[in-house]
Protein backbone atom coordinates (compact mmCIF):
# COMPACT_ATOMS: atom_id res chain seq x y z
CA MET A 1 10.30 5.65 29.31
CA LYS A 2 6.86 6.57 27.99
CA VAL A 3 6.27 6.63 24.24
CA ALA A 4 3.20 7.75 22.31
CA VAL A 5 2.36 6.60 18.81
CA VAL A 6 -0.12 8.93 17.13
CA GLY A 7 -1.87 6.98 14.40
CA GLY A 8 -2.96 3.35 14.35
CA GLY A 9 -2.32 2.45 10.72
CA TYR A 10 0.27 -0.02 9.53
CA ALA A 11 3.14 2.37 10.30
CA GLY A 12 1.90 3.17 13.79
CA THR A 13 1.10 -0.41 14.77
CA ALA A 14 4.46 -1.60 13.39
CA ALA A 15 6.21 1.01 15.55
CA ALA A 16 4.16 0.03 18.60
CA VAL A 17 4.88 -3.69 18.16
CA THR A 18 8.61 -3.04 17.74
CA LEU A 19 8.66 -1.01 20.96
CA ALA A 20 6.54 -3.53 22.85
CA GLN A 21 8.86 -6.33 21.78
CA SER A 22 11.70 -4.44 23.52
CA GLY A 23 9.69 -3.89 26.70
CA VAL A 24 8.92 -0.20 26.17
CA PRO A 25 5.45 0.94 27.38
CA VAL A 26 3.64 2.52 24.46
CA THR A 27 0.33 4.37 24.11
CA VAL A 28 -1.32 4.35 20.69
CA TYR A 29 -3.84 7.03 19.69
CA GLU A 30 -6.07 6.27 16.70
CA ALA A 31 -8.70 8.80 15.62
CA GLY A 32 -10.92 6.26 13.86
CA PRO A 33 -12.97 3.42 15.32
CA GLN A 34 -10.86 0.86 13.44
CA LEU A 35 -7.13 0.37 13.28
CA GLY A 36 -5.45 0.26 9.89
CA GLY A 37 -5.50 3.85 8.64
CA ARG A 38 -5.80 3.87 4.87
CA ALA A 39 -5.83 0.05 4.89
CA ARG A 40 -8.63 -0.70 7.34
CA ARG A 41 -11.89 -2.59 7.71
CA VAL A 42 -15.20 -1.03 6.68
CA THR A 43 -18.38 -2.97 7.51
CA VAL A 44 -21.29 -2.68 5.06
CA ASN A 45 -24.46 -4.75 5.44
CA ASP A 46 -22.62 -6.92 7.97
CA VAL A 47 -19.89 -7.66 5.40
CA ALA A 48 -16.28 -6.79 6.20
CA LEU A 49 -14.80 -4.75 3.35
CA ASP A 50 -11.57 -2.76 3.01
CA ASN A 51 -11.45 0.98 2.47
CA GLY A 52 -8.75 0.36 -0.14
CA LEU A 53 -8.02 -2.85 -2.00
CA HIS A 54 -4.39 -3.81 -1.46
CA ILE A 55 -2.29 -6.84 -2.27
CA LEU A 56 0.99 -7.79 -0.67
CA LEU A 57 4.08 -9.25 -2.31
CA GLY A 58 6.44 -11.94 -1.18
CA ALA A 59 9.03 -9.14 -1.00
CA TYR A 60 7.18 -7.62 1.99
CA SER A 61 9.64 -9.21 4.39
CA ASP A 62 9.13 -6.89 7.36
CA THR A 63 5.34 -7.04 7.16
CA LEU A 64 5.47 -10.84 7.11
CA ARG A 65 7.98 -10.92 9.98
CA LEU A 66 5.79 -8.74 12.20
CA MET A 67 2.70 -10.75 11.30
CA ASN A 68 4.49 -13.83 12.57
CA LEU A 69 5.56 -11.98 15.72
CA VAL A 70 1.98 -11.01 16.67
CA ALA A 71 0.63 -14.48 15.81
CA ALA A 72 -1.11 -13.36 12.60
CA ASP A 73 0.25 -16.38 10.73
CA PRO A 74 0.84 -15.32 7.09
CA ALA A 75 0.39 -18.90 5.90
CA GLN A 76 -3.17 -18.84 7.26
CA ALA A 77 -4.02 -15.18 6.64
CA LEU A 78 -2.72 -14.89 3.07
CA THR A 79 -3.20 -16.84 -0.15
CA ARG A 80 0.19 -17.05 -1.88
CA LEU A 81 0.18 -17.26 -5.68
CA SER A 82 3.08 -17.33 -8.11
CA LEU A 83 3.18 -14.09 -10.05
CA GLN A 84 0.13 -14.01 -12.28
CA TRP A 85 -0.49 -10.95 -14.43
CA ARG A 86 -3.65 -11.33 -16.45
CA ILE A 87 -5.45 -8.65 -18.45
CA HIS A 88 -8.63 -10.44 -19.52
CA ARG A 89 -8.62 -11.52 -23.18
CA ARG A 90 -5.62 -9.31 -23.91
CA PHE A 91 -2.48 -10.37 -22.07
CA SER A 92 -1.26 -12.91 -19.55
CA MET A 93 2.05 -13.68 -17.90
CA THR A 94 2.81 -16.28 -15.23
CA ALA A 95 6.08 -16.85 -13.43
CA PRO A 96 6.91 -20.54 -12.92
CA ARG A 97 8.25 -21.82 -9.61
CA LEU A 98 11.86 -21.72 -10.72
CA PRO A 99 14.90 -19.97 -9.23
CA ALA A 100 15.40 -16.29 -10.04
CA PRO A 101 16.02 -14.82 -12.54
CA LEU A 102 14.90 -17.83 -14.59
CA HIS A 103 11.31 -17.43 -13.33
CA LEU A 104 11.07 -13.92 -14.79
CA ILE A 105 12.88 -14.77 -18.02
CA ILE A 106 10.42 -17.57 -18.76
CA ALA A 107 7.46 -15.43 -17.67
CA LEU A 108 8.40 -12.69 -20.16
CA LEU A 109 9.27 -15.05 -23.00
CA THR A 110 6.01 -17.02 -22.66
CA ALA A 111 3.70 -14.03 -22.16
CA ARG A 112 0.52 -14.40 -24.19
CA GLY A 113 -0.90 -11.51 -26.17
CA ALA A 114 2.46 -10.18 -27.34
CA SER A 115 4.67 -11.02 -30.30
CA TRP A 116 8.04 -12.74 -29.96
CA GLY A 117 9.81 -9.48 -30.76
CA GLU A 118 7.85 -7.61 -28.09
CA ARG A 119 8.72 -10.26 -25.51
CA LEU A 120 12.41 -10.08 -26.39
CA ALA A 121 12.32 -6.28 -26.07
CA ALA A 122 10.82 -6.59 -22.58
CA LEU A 123 13.51 -9.10 -21.61
CA ARG A 124 16.25 -6.80 -22.96
CA PHE A 125 14.80 -3.96 -20.88
CA MET A 126 14.98 -6.00 -17.68
CA ARG A 127 18.51 -7.19 -18.51
CA ALA A 128 19.59 -3.59 -19.14
CA MET A 129 18.14 -2.47 -15.83
CA ARG A 130 19.82 -5.36 -14.02
CA GLY A 131 23.11 -4.37 -15.63
CA ARG A 132 22.71 -0.91 -14.11
CA ALA A 133 21.75 -2.39 -10.72
CA PHE A 134 18.36 -0.72 -11.34
CA ARG A 135 19.86 2.73 -10.79
CA LEU A 136 19.47 5.77 -13.03
CA GLU A 137 22.01 8.57 -13.28
CA ARG A 138 19.10 11.00 -13.45
CA ASP A 139 15.49 10.33 -12.55
CA VAL A 140 12.98 10.62 -15.39
CA THR A 141 9.34 9.69 -15.78
CA VAL A 142 8.29 6.09 -16.26
CA SER A 143 6.95 6.97 -19.71
CA GLU A 144 10.32 8.42 -20.71
CA LEU A 145 12.18 5.39 -19.41
CA LEU A 146 10.00 2.95 -21.32
CA ALA A 147 10.25 4.97 -24.54
CA SER A 148 14.04 5.13 -24.27
CA HIS A 149 14.14 1.33 -24.15
CA ALA A 150 11.77 0.83 -27.08
CA GLN A 151 9.08 -0.97 -25.16
CA SER A 152 6.21 -2.05 -27.36
CA ALA A 153 2.72 -0.62 -27.10
CA THR A 154 1.46 -4.03 -25.93
CA PHE A 155 3.86 -4.33 -23.00
CA VAL A 156 3.43 -0.67 -22.08
CA ARG A 157 -0.36 -0.93 -22.13
CA CYS A 158 -0.68 -4.37 -20.54
CA LEU A 159 2.28 -4.67 -18.13
CA TRP A 160 4.53 -1.69 -17.44
CA GLU A 161 1.94 1.09 -17.15
CA PRO A 162 -0.60 -0.95 -15.13
CA LEU A 163 2.25 -2.04 -12.85
CA CYS A 164 3.35 1.57 -12.43
CA VAL A 165 -0.17 2.73 -11.56
CA ALA A 166 -0.76 -0.22 -9.21
CA ALA A 167 2.54 0.21 -7.35
CA LEU A 168 3.12 3.98 -7.41
CA ASN A 169 -0.53 5.13 -7.72
CA THR A 170 0.75 7.81 -10.09
CA PRO A 171 0.21 8.24 -13.85
CA PRO A 172 3.33 7.02 -15.74
CA GLU A 173 3.78 10.34 -17.48
CA ARG A 174 4.57 11.88 -14.05
CA ALA A 175 5.74 8.86 -12.03
CA SER A 176 9.33 8.49 -10.87
CA ALA A 177 11.20 5.95 -12.97
CA GLN A 178 13.74 5.40 -10.19
CA THR A 179 11.04 4.41 -7.71
CA PHE A 180 9.47 2.20 -10.37
CA LEU A 181 12.83 0.48 -10.89
CA ASN A 182 13.14 -0.08 -7.15
CA VAL A 183 9.83 -1.95 -7.32
CA LEU A 184 11.02 -4.02 -10.29
CA ARG A 185 14.32 -4.78 -8.52
CA ASP A 186 12.80 -6.06 -5.30
CA GLY A 187 9.43 -7.30 -6.55
CA LEU A 188 10.30 -8.98 -9.85
CA ASP A 189 14.05 -9.42 -10.10
CA ALA A 190 14.91 -10.63 -6.58
CA ASP A 191 14.44 -14.21 -5.42
CA ARG A 192 11.49 -16.06 -6.92
CA ALA A 193 9.29 -15.91 -3.81
CA SER A 194 9.55 -12.11 -3.74
CA SER A 195 7.36 -11.86 -6.83
CA ASP A 196 4.58 -13.97 -5.31
CA LEU A 197 1.20 -12.29 -4.92
CA LEU A 198 -0.22 -12.43 -1.39
CA LEU A 199 -4.00 -11.98 -1.22
CA ALA A 200 -5.54 -11.34 2.21
CA ARG A 201 -8.14 -13.85 3.36
CA HIS A 202 -9.31 -11.35 6.01
CA ASP A 203 -10.02 -7.65 6.02
CA LEU A 204 -6.93 -5.46 6.31
CA SER A 205 -7.53 -4.50 9.95
CA THR A 206 -7.73 -8.16 10.94
CA LEU A 207 -4.67 -8.96 8.84
CA PHE A 208 -2.19 -7.10 11.07
CA PRO A 209 -3.32 -3.99 13.02
CA ASP A 210 -5.83 -5.80 15.26
CA PRO A 211 -3.46 -8.62 16.31
CA ALA A 212 -0.72 -5.99 16.65
CA ALA A 213 -2.91 -4.10 19.13
CA ALA A 214 -3.50 -7.31 21.10
CA TYR A 215 0.27 -7.86 21.22
CA VAL A 216 0.89 -4.31 22.45
CA ARG A 217 -1.74 -4.64 25.18
CA ALA A 218 -0.33 -8.01 26.24
CA HIS A 219 3.04 -6.30 26.70
CA GLY A 220 1.74 -3.54 28.93
CA GLY A 221 0.79 -0.97 26.31
CA VAL A 222 -2.44 0.95 25.69
CA VAL A 223 -4.26 1.19 22.35
CA ASN A 224 -6.95 3.86 22.09
CA THR A 225 -9.39 4.01 19.17
CA SER A 226 -11.85 6.84 18.41
CA CYS A 227 -9.29 9.03 20.13
CA LEU A 228 -8.32 12.08 18.08
CA VAL A 229 -5.10 13.87 19.00
CA ASP A 230 -5.61 17.63 18.94
CA THR A 231 -2.08 18.86 19.60
CA ILE A 232 1.51 17.67 19.89
CA GLU A 233 3.61 20.20 21.80
CA PRO A 234 7.28 20.01 22.85
CA LEU A 235 7.86 21.25 26.40
CA GLY A 236 11.35 20.99 27.83
CA ASN A 237 12.53 17.40 27.54
CA ALA A 238 8.98 16.08 27.11
CA ILE A 239 6.35 16.20 24.40
CA ASN A 240 2.75 16.76 25.41
CA VAL A 241 -0.02 14.95 23.55
CA THR A 242 -3.51 16.38 23.99
CA SER A 243 -6.55 14.22 23.30
CA ARG A 244 -10.08 14.42 24.69
CA ASP A 245 -9.05 17.55 26.63
CA THR A 246 -6.38 15.55 28.47
CA ARG A 247 -2.73 16.53 28.15
CA THR A 248 -0.22 13.73 28.70
CA PRO A 249 3.58 14.11 28.67
CA PHE A 250 5.74 11.54 26.89
CA ASN A 251 9.48 11.08 26.51
CA HIS A 252 9.09 10.30 22.80
CA VAL A 253 6.32 10.68 20.24
CA ILE A 254 6.07 8.88 16.91
CA CYS A 255 3.73 10.75 14.59
CA ALA A 256 2.31 8.07 12.32
CA VAL A 257 -0.63 9.83 10.69
CA SER A 258 -1.08 10.63 6.98
CA PRO A 259 1.23 13.31 5.58
CA HIS A 260 -1.43 16.00 5.21
CA ARG A 261 -2.62 15.33 8.76
CA ALA A 262 0.98 15.39 10.04
CA ALA A 263 1.56 18.75 8.36
CA ALA A 264 -1.46 20.22 10.17
CA LEU A 265 -0.71 18.57 13.51
CA LEU A 266 2.94 19.65 13.63
CA ALA A 267 2.62 23.04 11.93
CA SER A 268 3.04 25.05 15.16
CA ILE A 269 6.41 23.46 16.01
CA GLN A 270 8.97 25.92 14.70
CA GLN A 271 11.83 23.40 14.74
CA LEU A 272 9.95 21.33 12.15
CA ALA A 273 9.48 24.14 9.62
CA GLY A 274 11.65 22.36 7.04
CA THR A 275 9.73 19.13 7.40
CA ILE A 276 6.39 20.92 7.11
CA ALA A 277 7.61 22.69 3.97
CA LEU A 278 8.36 19.30 2.38
CA LEU A 279 4.92 17.96 3.30
CA ASP A 280 3.20 21.07 1.96
CA ARG A 281 4.71 20.34 -1.46
CA PHE A 282 3.14 16.89 -1.62
CA ARG A 283 0.36 16.21 -4.08
CA TYR A 284 -2.03 13.29 -3.71
CA GLN A 285 -3.68 10.59 -5.80
CA PRO A 286 -6.94 8.71 -5.09
CA ILE A 287 -7.83 5.05 -4.88
CA TYR A 288 -11.46 4.03 -5.50
CA SER A 289 -12.74 0.64 -4.41
CA VAL A 290 -16.03 -0.57 -5.88
CA TYR A 291 -17.85 -3.50 -4.27
CA LEU A 292 -20.68 -5.31 -6.07
CA GLN A 293 -22.72 -7.85 -4.11
CA PHE A 294 -24.59 -10.30 -6.34
CA ALA A 295 -27.39 -12.63 -5.31
CA THR A 296 -25.45 -15.77 -6.25
CA ARG A 297 -21.85 -16.74 -6.82
CA VAL A 298 -19.80 -14.99 -9.49
CA THR A 299 -16.61 -16.80 -10.45
CA LEU A 300 -13.86 -14.81 -12.13
CA PRO A 301 -11.33 -16.54 -14.42
CA SER A 302 -8.67 -15.85 -11.75
CA PRO A 303 -8.76 -14.42 -8.20
CA MET A 304 -7.21 -11.17 -9.46
CA LEU A 305 -8.11 -10.13 -13.01
CA GLY A 306 -7.07 -7.05 -14.96
CA THR A 307 -9.44 -5.25 -17.30
CA ALA A 308 -9.09 -2.54 -19.92
CA GLY A 309 -11.88 -0.35 -18.58
CA ILE A 310 -12.26 2.15 -15.79
CA ALA A 311 -12.02 -0.73 -13.34
CA GLN A 312 -8.35 -1.70 -13.56
CA TRP A 313 -8.42 -4.86 -11.42
CA LEU A 314 -11.20 -7.17 -10.30
CA PHE A 315 -11.00 -9.40 -7.23
CA ASP A 316 -13.03 -12.55 -6.70
CA ARG A 317 -13.84 -12.12 -3.01
CA ASP A 318 -15.50 -15.53 -2.87
CA ALA A 319 -12.32 -17.27 -4.03
CA ILE A 320 -10.04 -15.09 -1.90
CA CYS A 321 -11.92 -14.77 1.38
CA GLY A 322 -15.18 -16.72 1.07
CA GLN A 323 -17.51 -13.74 0.54
CA ARG A 324 -20.05 -15.39 -1.73
CA GLY A 325 -21.26 -13.32 -4.68
CA LEU A 326 -18.99 -10.35 -3.91
CA VAL A 327 -16.80 -8.85 -6.63
CA ALA A 328 -14.48 -5.95 -5.87
CA ALA A 329 -12.87 -3.55 -8.32
CA VAL A 330 -10.02 -1.13 -7.72
CA ILE A 331 -9.25 2.06 -9.61
CA SER A 332 -5.87 3.60 -8.82
CA ALA A 333 -4.78 7.17 -9.56
CA GLU A 334 -6.72 9.97 -11.19
CA GLY A 335 -9.17 9.55 -14.05
CA PRO A 336 -12.69 10.21 -15.38
CA HIS A 337 -14.20 8.14 -12.58
CA GLN A 338 -13.61 11.08 -10.24
CA ASN A 339 -16.31 13.04 -12.06
CA MET A 340 -18.95 10.32 -11.60
CA THR A 341 -21.38 9.93 -8.76
CA GLN A 342 -20.95 6.75 -6.76
CA ASP A 343 -24.05 5.23 -8.37
CA GLU A 344 -22.79 6.10 -11.86
CA LEU A 345 -19.39 4.59 -11.11
CA ALA A 346 -20.87 1.38 -9.69
CA ARG A 347 -23.17 1.00 -12.72
CA THR A 348 -20.25 1.62 -15.09
CA VAL A 349 -18.11 -1.03 -13.39
CA HIS A 350 -21.08 -3.42 -13.45
CA ARG A 351 -21.48 -2.94 -17.20
CA GLU A 352 -17.77 -3.43 -17.77
CA ILE A 353 -17.76 -6.72 -15.87
CA GLU A 354 -20.76 -7.96 -17.86
CA ALA A 355 -19.02 -6.98 -21.08
CA GLU A 356 -15.97 -8.99 -20.01
CA LEU A 357 -17.66 -12.03 -18.45
CA GLY A 358 -21.20 -12.18 -19.82
CA PRO A 359 -24.53 -11.94 -17.94
CA LEU A 360 -24.30 -11.61 -14.16
CA PRO A 361 -26.72 -12.53 -11.36
CA THR A 362 -28.99 -9.92 -9.78
CA LEU A 363 -27.07 -7.10 -8.11
CA GLU A 364 -28.24 -6.79 -4.50
CA TRP A 365 -26.18 -3.78 -3.43
CA HIS A 366 -23.05 -1.84 -4.20
CA ARG A 367 -20.64 0.33 -2.26
CA VAL A 368 -18.00 2.75 -3.54
CA ILE A 369 -15.22 3.76 -1.13
CA ALA A 370 -13.18 6.71 -2.31
CA GLU A 371 -9.87 7.51 -0.62
CA LYS A 372 -9.25 10.83 -2.34
CA ARG A 373 -5.81 11.29 -0.79
CA ALA A 374 -4.89 7.62 -0.65
CA THR A 375 -1.19 8.17 -1.37
CA PHE A 376 1.25 10.90 -2.18
CA GLU A 377 1.97 11.41 -5.86
CA CYS A 378 5.28 9.63 -6.47
CA THR A 379 6.81 12.04 -8.97
CA VAL A 380 10.29 12.60 -10.38
CA GLY A 381 12.72 14.04 -7.85
CA LEU A 382 10.20 14.23 -5.00
CA GLU A 383 11.95 14.96 -1.70
CA ARG A 384 10.47 13.06 1.24
CA PRO A 385 11.11 13.70 4.94
CA LEU A 386 13.19 11.40 7.12
CA THR A 387 11.70 9.49 10.03
CA ARG A 388 14.23 11.32 12.23
CA THR A 389 13.32 14.98 12.75
CA SER A 390 15.19 17.99 14.14
CA LEU A 391 13.57 17.24 17.52
CA ALA A 392 15.43 14.32 19.06
CA ASN A 393 12.30 12.90 20.70
CA LEU A 394 9.82 13.38 17.85
CA HIS A 395 9.83 10.91 14.97
CA LEU A 396 7.78 10.44 11.81
CA ALA A 397 6.39 7.17 10.49
CA GLY A 398 4.37 6.55 7.36
CA ASP A 399 4.58 5.30 3.81
CA TYR A 400 5.49 8.84 2.71
CA THR A 401 8.80 9.05 4.58
CA ALA A 402 12.08 8.75 2.69
CA SER A 403 12.68 5.25 1.32
CA ASP A 404 13.24 3.37 -1.92
CA TYR A 405 9.56 2.51 -2.13
CA PRO A 406 6.30 4.20 -3.08
CA ALA A 407 3.35 4.37 -0.68
CA THR A 408 2.80 0.68 0.11
CA ILE A 409 2.01 -1.36 3.20
CA GLU A 410 5.64 -2.52 3.36
CA ALA A 411 6.92 1.06 3.15
CA ALA A 412 4.62 2.01 6.04
CA VAL A 413 5.73 -0.96 8.15
CA ARG A 414 9.42 -0.29 7.54
CA SER A 415 9.05 3.36 8.49
CA GLY A 416 7.34 2.38 11.74
CA ILE A 417 10.14 -0.04 12.56
CA ALA A 418 12.76 2.63 11.76
CA ALA A 419 11.07 5.21 14.00
CA ALA A 420 10.79 2.72 16.85
CA ASN A 421 14.45 1.77 16.52
CA GLN A 422 15.40 5.45 16.77
CA VAL A 423 13.51 5.62 20.07
CA LEU A 424 15.28 2.48 21.30
CA GLN A 425 18.68 3.93 20.35
CA ARG A 426 17.91 7.02 22.39
CA GLN A 427 17.03 4.81 25.34
CA LEU A 428 20.46 3.19 25.17
């Protein structure tokens, strides 16, 4: 059986590894020079950066399992921290290393920057959601959910809304409360280790996609980079994949590209008209990553630090991955930063950091990386396609496919595993 995986991001490489583990020859096509998709390495001035700043959670069980499988040891590749949520000079919350749910109860009750009454209201909200098994009878927006449970302005501004934007990459006034609750259920209210923050010590391509490719090759597969797929065409019992003017037939194809690319690539396949219609209704949100390289070391108060400016989160790249003098900022979802030039945005972030931390060393260079369609907009009632399509030998994989989760690395990995398992079931 020959299987093609079109797309070498986290979903595609997870699918390829799952197939390779079961002895299925797989050919991966990746259009870019680097594996990783929207979570990949970008090299600037000989420094390995990421095109989007991502963190992982202890709840990312399938990502961590596959990292172990391909010898990308999570204990070496990731810095694990107990949940630390710190908005500089405004709010802080730390979960102690105690069994769940005690870790979260103490974290909420000892949060700094909020009154005792505000902390109790946040705890009551989490208890109410737990009592409902984190399920809503009818999906509403995150803003509506928080208002209906009388969450204080402090917790909304410093915890719930930043968490919504970070996890769903969607403004809370449009974001799905049910998806948000799924994140709270598995990220905050599960076992204690699930809420841990996992910060990558390497770039995101090195973290998993590159060792995944080595694993696939070692198991008889082929991984092609800089190899754009032009068409995917069903023909009888096969599916033809055309790339570099070469048409190759496969028994199964897993389409693991971004949703807007999948919609264009599969648009001519009449049997997938319903799936394409779903994808055409998607709307997208950006993620901007701003890198500032200083002449000497800059030490942030914590490896990951929230701010109240345009830059939502700062990352101390020296502390996390040994990149001396490098500070990174991430800006999720839409906002005024989209109307700035890259130079204006970098200067604005620079000024904000100085306002927060005081004078900084000389700035040597900066780089802004804008993923303008980084994720789908995770809105109320959004219908998402299944990994299984109406063609028995064509499958979808990506963080946009139907699941409990928003567009995250774990959602991408799980979709790739699901698509691969569908192929394996067909083989049986």
